[in-house]
Amino acid sequence: MSKYKKTESYPKKLTADLMDRFEFILEGIGEDPNREGLLKTPERAAKAMQFLTHGYNLDAKKILKSAMFKEEYSEMVIVKDIEVYSMCEHHMLPFFGKAHVAYIPNGHIVGLSKIPRIIDVFARRLQVQERLTHEILHCIQDTLKPLGVAVVIEARHMCMMMRGVQKQNSVTTTSAFTGEFEKQPTRGEFLNLINSNLH
């Protein structure tokens, strides 16, 4: 019986360079990189950082185009409560929460799994929540050419919770709208639906 083996592939030179830098950081904060608990930390941190920022190597528009289908459906499509994990570019600390995305097709729909995928493409980069919201919006608008797109992100930021003002219960909400969602009735329907418990 074969045993499960987890494999991850990262460029050797980049990983080695990052390991050296993480070892330097450990020494700089007063730690001993040679003590037992930290022996593999530079390598783990180097690989983790590459995973957490792998969105730089992905093309969100290409992902959307890989699952576009002609369809006459022209009502609102919503994918809500999508988990979001990203890294604040100011302090390189995580922020996390959920995204709600809607679009109104205009001749084309997209495979539903592609919407969370493009969110990950942009979230797995050093980010600010405001830019992340607009990047998701513009990617869908420019690729699908729908009648409108809506994006709302609600997130908690560790740079506010662990340091600085240290407010553990604050939530940041950002939103962006195009086309039909700029009209109050359509926007209101979207906001009501993402706040409902239909599921």
C-alpha atoms as a PDB file:
ATOM      1  CA  MET A   1       0.000   0.000   0.000  1.00  0.00           C
ATOM      2  CA  SER A   2       1.532   3.309  -1.070  1.00  0.00           C
ATOM      3  CA  LYS A   3       1.774   6.114   1.447  1.00  0.00           C
ATOM      4  CA  TYR A   4       0.621   9.634   0.666  1.00  0.00           C
ATOM      5  CA  LYS A   5       3.513  11.983  -0.023  1.00  0.00           C
ATOM      6  CA  LYS A   6       2.973  15.715  -0.223  1.00  0.00           C
ATOM      7  CA  THR A   7       5.070  17.381  -2.885  1.00  0.00           C
ATOM      8  CA  GLU A   8       5.673  21.066  -3.481  1.00  0.00           C
ATOM      9  CA  SER A   9       7.881  22.505  -6.175  1.00  0.00           C
ATOM     10  CA  TYR A  10       9.695  25.822  -5.763  1.00  0.00           C
ATOM     11  CA  PRO A  11      12.668  27.238  -7.699  1.00  0.00           C
ATOM     12  CA  LYS A  12      15.810  26.114  -5.888  1.00  0.00           C
ATOM     13  CA  LYS A  13      17.800  29.328  -6.284  1.00  0.00           C
ATOM     14  CA  LEU A  14      14.965  31.610  -5.198  1.00  0.00           C
ATOM     15  CA  THR A  15      14.201  29.358  -2.239  1.00  0.00           C
ATOM     16  CA  ALA A  16      17.852  29.361  -1.187  1.00  0.00           C
ATOM     17  CA  ASP A  17      18.052  33.166  -1.474  1.00  0.00           C
ATOM     18  CA  LEU A  18      14.895  33.615   0.609  1.00  0.00           C
ATOM     19  CA  MET A  19      16.194  31.149   3.201  1.00  0.00           C
ATOM     20  CA  ASP A  20      19.322  33.276   3.640  1.00  0.00           C
ATOM     21  CA  ARG A  21      17.181  36.363   4.169  1.00  0.00           C
ATOM     22  CA  PHE A  22      14.881  34.699   6.673  1.00  0.00           C
ATOM     23  CA  GLU A  23      17.915  33.438   8.597  1.00  0.00           C
ATOM     24  CA  PHE A  24      19.226  37.009   8.639  1.00  0.00           C
ATOM     25  CA  ILE A  25      15.868  38.214  10.025  1.00  0.00           C
ATOM     26  CA  LEU A  26      15.922  35.566  12.769  1.00  0.00           C
ATOM     27  CA  GLU A  27      19.391  36.697  13.808  1.00  0.00           C
ATOM     28  CA  GLY A  28      18.328  40.336  13.613  1.00  0.00           C
ATOM     29  CA  ILE A  29      15.480  39.883  16.110  1.00  0.00           C
ATOM     30  CA  GLY A  30      17.798  38.118  18.540  1.00  0.00           C
ATOM     31  CA  GLU A  31      17.028  34.482  17.766  1.00  0.00           C
ATOM     32  CA  ASP A  32      19.452  31.618  17.191  1.00  0.00           C
ATOM     33  CA  PRO A  33      18.745  30.037  13.764  1.00  0.00           C
ATOM     34  CA  ASN A  34      20.736  26.988  14.869  1.00  0.00           C
ATOM     35  CA  ARG A  35      18.530  26.015  17.777  1.00  0.00           C
ATOM     36  CA  GLU A  36      16.437  22.901  17.219  1.00  0.00           C
ATOM     37  CA  GLY A  37      13.053  24.564  16.789  1.00  0.00           C
ATOM     38  CA  LEU A  38      14.346  26.982  14.146  1.00  0.00           C
ATOM     39  CA  LEU A  39      16.600  24.741  12.061  1.00  0.00           C
ATOM     40  CA  LYS A  40      14.030  24.354   9.285  1.00  0.00           C
ATOM     41  CA  THR A  41      12.239  27.674   9.788  1.00  0.00           C
ATOM     42  CA  PRO A  42      14.086  29.607   7.033  1.00  0.00           C
ATOM     43  CA  GLU A  43      13.200  26.909   4.499  1.00  0.00           C
ATOM     44  CA  ARG A  44       9.578  26.691   5.646  1.00  0.00           C
ATOM     45  CA  ALA A  45       9.217  30.476   5.619  1.00  0.00           C
ATOM     46  CA  ALA A  46      10.797  30.737   2.154  1.00  0.00           C
ATOM     47  CA  LYS A  47       8.357  28.212   0.726  1.00  0.00           C
ATOM     48  CA  ALA A  48       5.400  29.722   2.577  1.00  0.00           C
ATOM     49  CA  MET A  49       6.161  33.184   1.200  1.00  0.00           C
ATOM     50  CA  GLN A  50       6.311  31.812  -2.330  1.00  0.00           C
ATOM     51  CA  PHE A  51       2.954  30.082  -1.859  1.00  0.00           C
ATOM     52  CA  LEU A  52       1.325  33.149  -0.312  1.00  0.00           C
ATOM     53  CA  THR A  53       2.417  35.306  -3.266  1.00  0.00           C
ATOM     54  CA  HIS A  54       2.041  32.835  -6.144  1.00  0.00           C
ATOM     55  CA  GLY A  55      -0.647  35.029  -7.720  1.00  0.00           C
ATOM     56  CA  TYR A  56       2.079  37.036  -9.466  1.00  0.00           C
ATOM     57  CA  ASN A  57       2.655  34.036 -11.728  1.00  0.00           C
ATOM     58  CA  LEU A  58      -1.001  33.585 -12.732  1.00  0.00           C
ATOM     59  CA  ASP A  59      -3.120  35.274 -15.405  1.00  0.00           C
ATOM     60  CA  ALA A  60      -6.641  35.915 -14.093  1.00  0.00           C
ATOM     61  CA  LYS A  61      -8.094  36.837 -17.488  1.00  0.00           C
ATOM     62  CA  LYS A  62      -6.738  33.643 -19.019  1.00  0.00           C
ATOM     63  CA  ILE A  63      -8.379  31.632 -16.231  1.00  0.00           C
ATOM     64  CA  LEU A  64     -11.747  33.283 -16.913  1.00  0.00           C
ATOM     65  CA  LYS A  65     -11.463  32.800 -20.668  1.00  0.00           C
ATOM     66  CA  SER A  66     -10.775  29.082 -20.181  1.00  0.00           C
ATOM     67  CA  ALA A  67     -14.368  28.558 -19.020  1.00  0.00           C
ATOM     68  CA  MET A  68     -16.490  31.100 -20.917  1.00  0.00           C
ATOM     69  CA  PHE A  69     -19.660  29.801 -22.508  1.00  0.00           C
ATOM     70  CA  LYS A  70     -22.237  31.397 -24.790  1.00  0.00           C
ATOM     71  CA  GLU A  71     -25.525  31.596 -22.943  1.00  0.00           C
ATOM     72  CA  GLU A  72     -28.597  33.789 -23.215  1.00  0.00           C
ATOM     73  CA  TYR A  73     -29.136  33.912 -19.434  1.00  0.00           C
ATOM     74  CA  SER A  74     -29.299  37.581 -18.454  1.00  0.00           C
ATOM     75  CA  GLU A  75     -30.209  37.624 -14.775  1.00  0.00           C
ATOM     76  CA  MET A  76     -27.901  38.289 -11.867  1.00  0.00           C
ATOM     77  CA  VAL A  77     -25.330  35.601 -11.034  1.00  0.00           C
ATOM     78  CA  ILE A  78     -23.946  35.772  -7.483  1.00  0.00           C
ATOM     79  CA  VAL A  79     -21.156  33.809  -5.830  1.00  0.00           C
ATOM     80  CA  LYS A  80     -20.991  34.842  -2.190  1.00  0.00           C
ATOM     81  CA  ASP A  81     -19.059  34.025   0.985  1.00  0.00           C
ATOM     82  CA  ILE A  82     -15.856  33.231  -0.928  1.00  0.00           C
ATOM     83  CA  GLU A  83     -12.935  32.889   1.482  1.00  0.00           C
ATOM     84  CA  VAL A  84     -10.212  35.485   0.953  1.00  0.00           C
ATOM     85  CA  TYR A  85      -6.669  35.271   2.348  1.00  0.00           C
ATOM     86  CA  SER A  86      -4.134  37.917   1.416  1.00  0.00           C
ATOM     87  CA  MET A  87      -1.097  39.813   2.685  1.00  0.00           C
ATOM     88  CA  CYS A  88      -1.097  43.509   3.532  1.00  0.00           C
ATOM     89  CA  GLU A  89       1.657  45.189   1.537  1.00  0.00           C
ATOM     90  CA  HIS A  90       2.336  47.737   4.281  1.00  0.00           C
ATOM     91  CA  HIS A  91       3.300  45.324   7.064  1.00  0.00           C
ATOM     92  CA  MET A  92       3.307  41.942   5.281  1.00  0.00           C
ATOM     93  CA  LEU A  93       0.726  40.641   7.725  1.00  0.00           C
ATOM     94  CA  PRO A  94      -2.373  38.685   6.666  1.00  0.00           C
ATOM     95  CA  PHE A  95      -5.834  40.012   6.109  1.00  0.00           C
ATOM     96  CA  PHE A  96      -8.698  37.593   5.615  1.00  0.00           C
ATOM     97  CA  GLY A  97     -12.435  37.473   5.200  1.00  0.00           C
ATOM     98  CA  LYS A  98     -14.955  36.865   2.462  1.00  0.00           C
ATOM     99  CA  ALA A  99     -15.852  38.220  -0.947  1.00  0.00           C
ATOM    100  CA  HIS A 100     -19.214  38.476  -2.683  1.00  0.00           C
ATOM    101  CA  VAL A 101     -19.204  38.772  -6.470  1.00  0.00           C
ATOM    102  CA  ALA A 102     -22.058  39.233  -8.930  1.00  0.00           C
ATOM    103  CA  TYR A 103     -22.361  39.873 -12.638  1.00  0.00           C
ATOM    104  CA  ILE A 104     -25.173  40.176 -15.162  1.00  0.00           C
ATOM    105  CA  PRO A 105     -24.312  38.171 -18.292  1.00  0.00           C
ATOM    106  CA  ASN A 106     -24.382  39.753 -21.720  1.00  0.00           C
ATOM    107  CA  GLY A 107     -24.141  36.721 -23.993  1.00  0.00           C
ATOM    108  CA  HIS A 108     -21.529  34.806 -21.985  1.00  0.00           C
ATOM    109  CA  ILE A 109     -21.377  33.107 -18.606  1.00  0.00           C
ATOM    110  CA  VAL A 110     -18.337  31.694 -16.841  1.00  0.00           C
ATOM    111  CA  GLY A 111     -17.791  28.467 -14.911  1.00  0.00           C
ATOM    112  CA  LEU A 112     -18.655  29.272 -11.306  1.00  0.00           C
ATOM    113  CA  SER A 113     -15.397  27.901  -9.886  1.00  0.00           C
ATOM    114  CA  LYS A 114     -13.431  30.444 -11.922  1.00  0.00           C
ATOM    115  CA  ILE A 115     -14.679  33.367  -9.844  1.00  0.00           C
ATOM    116  CA  PRO A 116     -13.061  32.113  -6.605  1.00  0.00           C
ATOM    117  CA  ARG A 117      -9.976  31.242  -8.649  1.00  0.00           C
ATOM    118  CA  ILE A 118      -9.491  34.767  -9.948  1.00  0.00           C
ATOM    119  CA  ILE A 119     -10.007  36.124  -6.447  1.00  0.00           C
ATOM    120  CA  ASP A 120      -7.111  33.916  -5.345  1.00  0.00           C
ATOM    121  CA  VAL A 121      -4.963  35.158  -8.240  1.00  0.00           C
ATOM    122  CA  PHE A 122      -5.194  38.732  -6.983  1.00  0.00           C
ATOM    123  CA  ALA A 123      -5.314  37.900  -3.261  1.00  0.00           C
ATOM    124  CA  ARG A 124      -2.117  35.843  -3.441  1.00  0.00           C
ATOM    125  CA  ARG A 125      -0.052  38.990  -3.929  1.00  0.00           C
ATOM    126  CA  LEU A 126       0.964  41.795  -1.613  1.00  0.00           C
ATOM    127  CA  GLN A 127      -2.220  43.825  -1.506  1.00  0.00           C
ATOM    128  CA  VAL A 128      -4.434  46.498  -0.082  1.00  0.00           C
ATOM    129  CA  GLN A 129      -8.102  45.590   0.176  1.00  0.00           C
ATOM    130  CA  GLU A 130      -9.212  48.558  -1.901  1.00  0.00           C
ATOM    131  CA  ARG A 131      -7.043  47.583  -4.876  1.00  0.00           C
ATOM    132  CA  LEU A 132      -7.960  43.917  -4.545  1.00  0.00           C
ATOM    133  CA  THR A 133     -11.646  44.843  -4.846  1.00  0.00           C
ATOM    134  CA  HIS A 134     -11.072  46.827  -8.044  1.00  0.00           C
ATOM    135  CA  GLU A 135      -8.766  44.253  -9.643  1.00  0.00           C
ATOM    136  CA  ILE A 136     -11.413  41.546  -9.289  1.00  0.00           C
ATOM    137  CA  LEU A 137     -14.091  43.880 -10.664  1.00  0.00           C
ATOM    138  CA  HIS A 138     -12.098  45.025 -13.695  1.00  0.00           C
ATOM    139  CA  CYS A 139     -10.927  41.518 -14.555  1.00  0.00           C
ATOM    140  CA  ILE A 140     -14.521  40.268 -14.798  1.00  0.00           C
ATOM    141  CA  GLN A 141     -15.771  43.395 -16.566  1.00  0.00           C
ATOM    142  CA  ASP A 142     -12.963  43.462 -19.147  1.00  0.00           C
ATOM    143  CA  THR A 143     -13.062  39.714 -19.859  1.00  0.00           C
ATOM    144  CA  LEU A 144     -16.761  38.785 -19.828  1.00  0.00           C
ATOM    145  CA  LYS A 145     -18.108  42.180 -20.974  1.00  0.00           C
ATOM    146  CA  PRO A 146     -21.220  41.715 -18.803  1.00  0.00           C
ATOM    147  CA  LEU A 147     -23.961  44.262 -18.235  1.00  0.00           C
ATOM    148  CA  GLY A 148     -22.480  44.958 -14.822  1.00  0.00           C
ATOM    149  CA  VAL A 149     -20.255  43.622 -12.035  1.00  0.00           C
ATOM    150  CA  ALA A 150     -20.451  43.992  -8.259  1.00  0.00           C
ATOM    151  CA  VAL A 151     -17.746  43.105  -5.737  1.00  0.00           C
ATOM    152  CA  VAL A 152     -17.922  43.426  -1.949  1.00  0.00           C
ATOM    153  CA  ILE A 153     -15.106  42.298   0.363  1.00  0.00           C
ATOM    154  CA  GLU A 154     -15.317  42.107   4.154  1.00  0.00           C
ATOM    155  CA  ALA A 155     -12.003  41.467   5.886  1.00  0.00           C
ATOM    156  CA  ARG A 156     -10.127  41.536   9.168  1.00  0.00           C
ATOM    157  CA  HIS A 157      -6.579  42.888   9.075  1.00  0.00           C
ATOM    158  CA  MET A 158      -3.905  41.488  11.361  1.00  0.00           C
ATOM    159  CA  CYS A 159      -1.971  44.761  11.057  1.00  0.00           C
ATOM    160  CA  MET A 160      -4.854  46.367  12.987  1.00  0.00           C
ATOM    161  CA  MET A 161      -5.494  43.419  15.310  1.00  0.00           C
ATOM    162  CA  MET A 162      -1.970  42.362  16.381  1.00  0.00           C
ATOM    163  CA  ARG A 163      -0.176  45.720  16.270  1.00  0.00           C
ATOM    164  CA  GLY A 164      -0.956  49.406  15.890  1.00  0.00           C
ATOM    165  CA  VAL A 165      -4.438  50.181  17.249  1.00  0.00           C
ATOM    166  CA  GLN A 166      -4.949  46.513  18.300  1.00  0.00           C
ATOM    167  CA  LYS A 167      -8.684  46.453  17.597  1.00  0.00           C
ATOM    168  CA  GLN A 168      -9.691  42.798  17.371  1.00  0.00           C
ATOM    169  CA  ASN A 169     -13.306  43.239  16.294  1.00  0.00           C
ATOM    170  CA  SER A 170     -12.978  45.710  13.443  1.00  0.00           C
ATOM    171  CA  VAL A 171     -14.041  44.646   9.954  1.00  0.00           C
ATOM    172  CA  THR A 172     -13.198  46.575   6.791  1.00  0.00           C
ATOM    173  CA  THR A 173     -15.727  46.522   3.956  1.00  0.00           C
ATOM    174  CA  THR A 174     -14.930  47.636   0.418  1.00  0.00           C
ATOM    175  CA  SER A 175     -17.190  47.637  -2.622  1.00  0.00           C
ATOM    176  CA  ALA A 176     -17.069  48.418  -6.326  1.00  0.00           C
ATOM    177  CA  PHE A 177     -19.741  48.422  -9.022  1.00  0.00           C
ATOM    178  CA  THR A 178     -20.012  48.790 -12.788  1.00  0.00           C
ATOM    179  CA  GLY A 179     -22.858  49.028 -15.279  1.00  0.00           C
ATOM    180  CA  GLU A 180     -26.294  47.974 -14.045  1.00  0.00           C
ATOM    181  CA  PHE A 181     -25.006  47.744 -10.468  1.00  0.00           C
ATOM    182  CA  GLU A 182     -24.480  51.477 -10.442  1.00  0.00           C
ATOM    183  CA  LYS A 183     -28.282  51.763 -10.457  1.00  0.00           C
ATOM    184  CA  GLN A 184     -29.802  51.706  -6.992  1.00  0.00           C
ATOM    185  CA  PRO A 185     -32.485  49.002  -7.572  1.00  0.00           C
ATOM    186  CA  THR A 186     -29.950  46.482  -8.956  1.00  0.00           C
ATOM    187  CA  ARG A 187     -27.371  47.328  -6.324  1.00  0.00           C
ATOM    188  CA  GLY A 188     -30.017  47.031  -3.613  1.00  0.00           C
ATOM    189  CA  GLU A 189     -31.087  43.593  -4.866  1.00  0.00           C
ATOM    190  CA  PHE A 190     -27.474  42.420  -4.814  1.00  0.00           C
ATOM    191  CA  LEU A 191     -26.838  43.721  -1.292  1.00  0.00           C
ATOM    192  CA  ASN A 192     -30.061  42.151  -0.032  1.00  0.00           C
ATOM    193  CA  LEU A 193     -29.151  38.789  -1.538  1.00  0.00           C
ATOM    194  CA  ILE A 194     -25.632  38.666  -0.102  1.00  0.00           C
ATOM    195  CA  ASN A 195     -27.058  39.490   3.334  1.00  0.00           C
ATOM    196  CA  SER A 196     -29.821  36.877   3.114  1.00  0.00           C
ATOM    197  CA  ASN A 197     -29.682  33.305   4.393  1.00  0.00           C
ATOM    198  CA  LEU A 198     -31.272  31.575   1.408  1.00  0.00           C
ATOM    199  CA  HIS A 199     -28.835  28.678   1.674  1.00  0.00           C
END
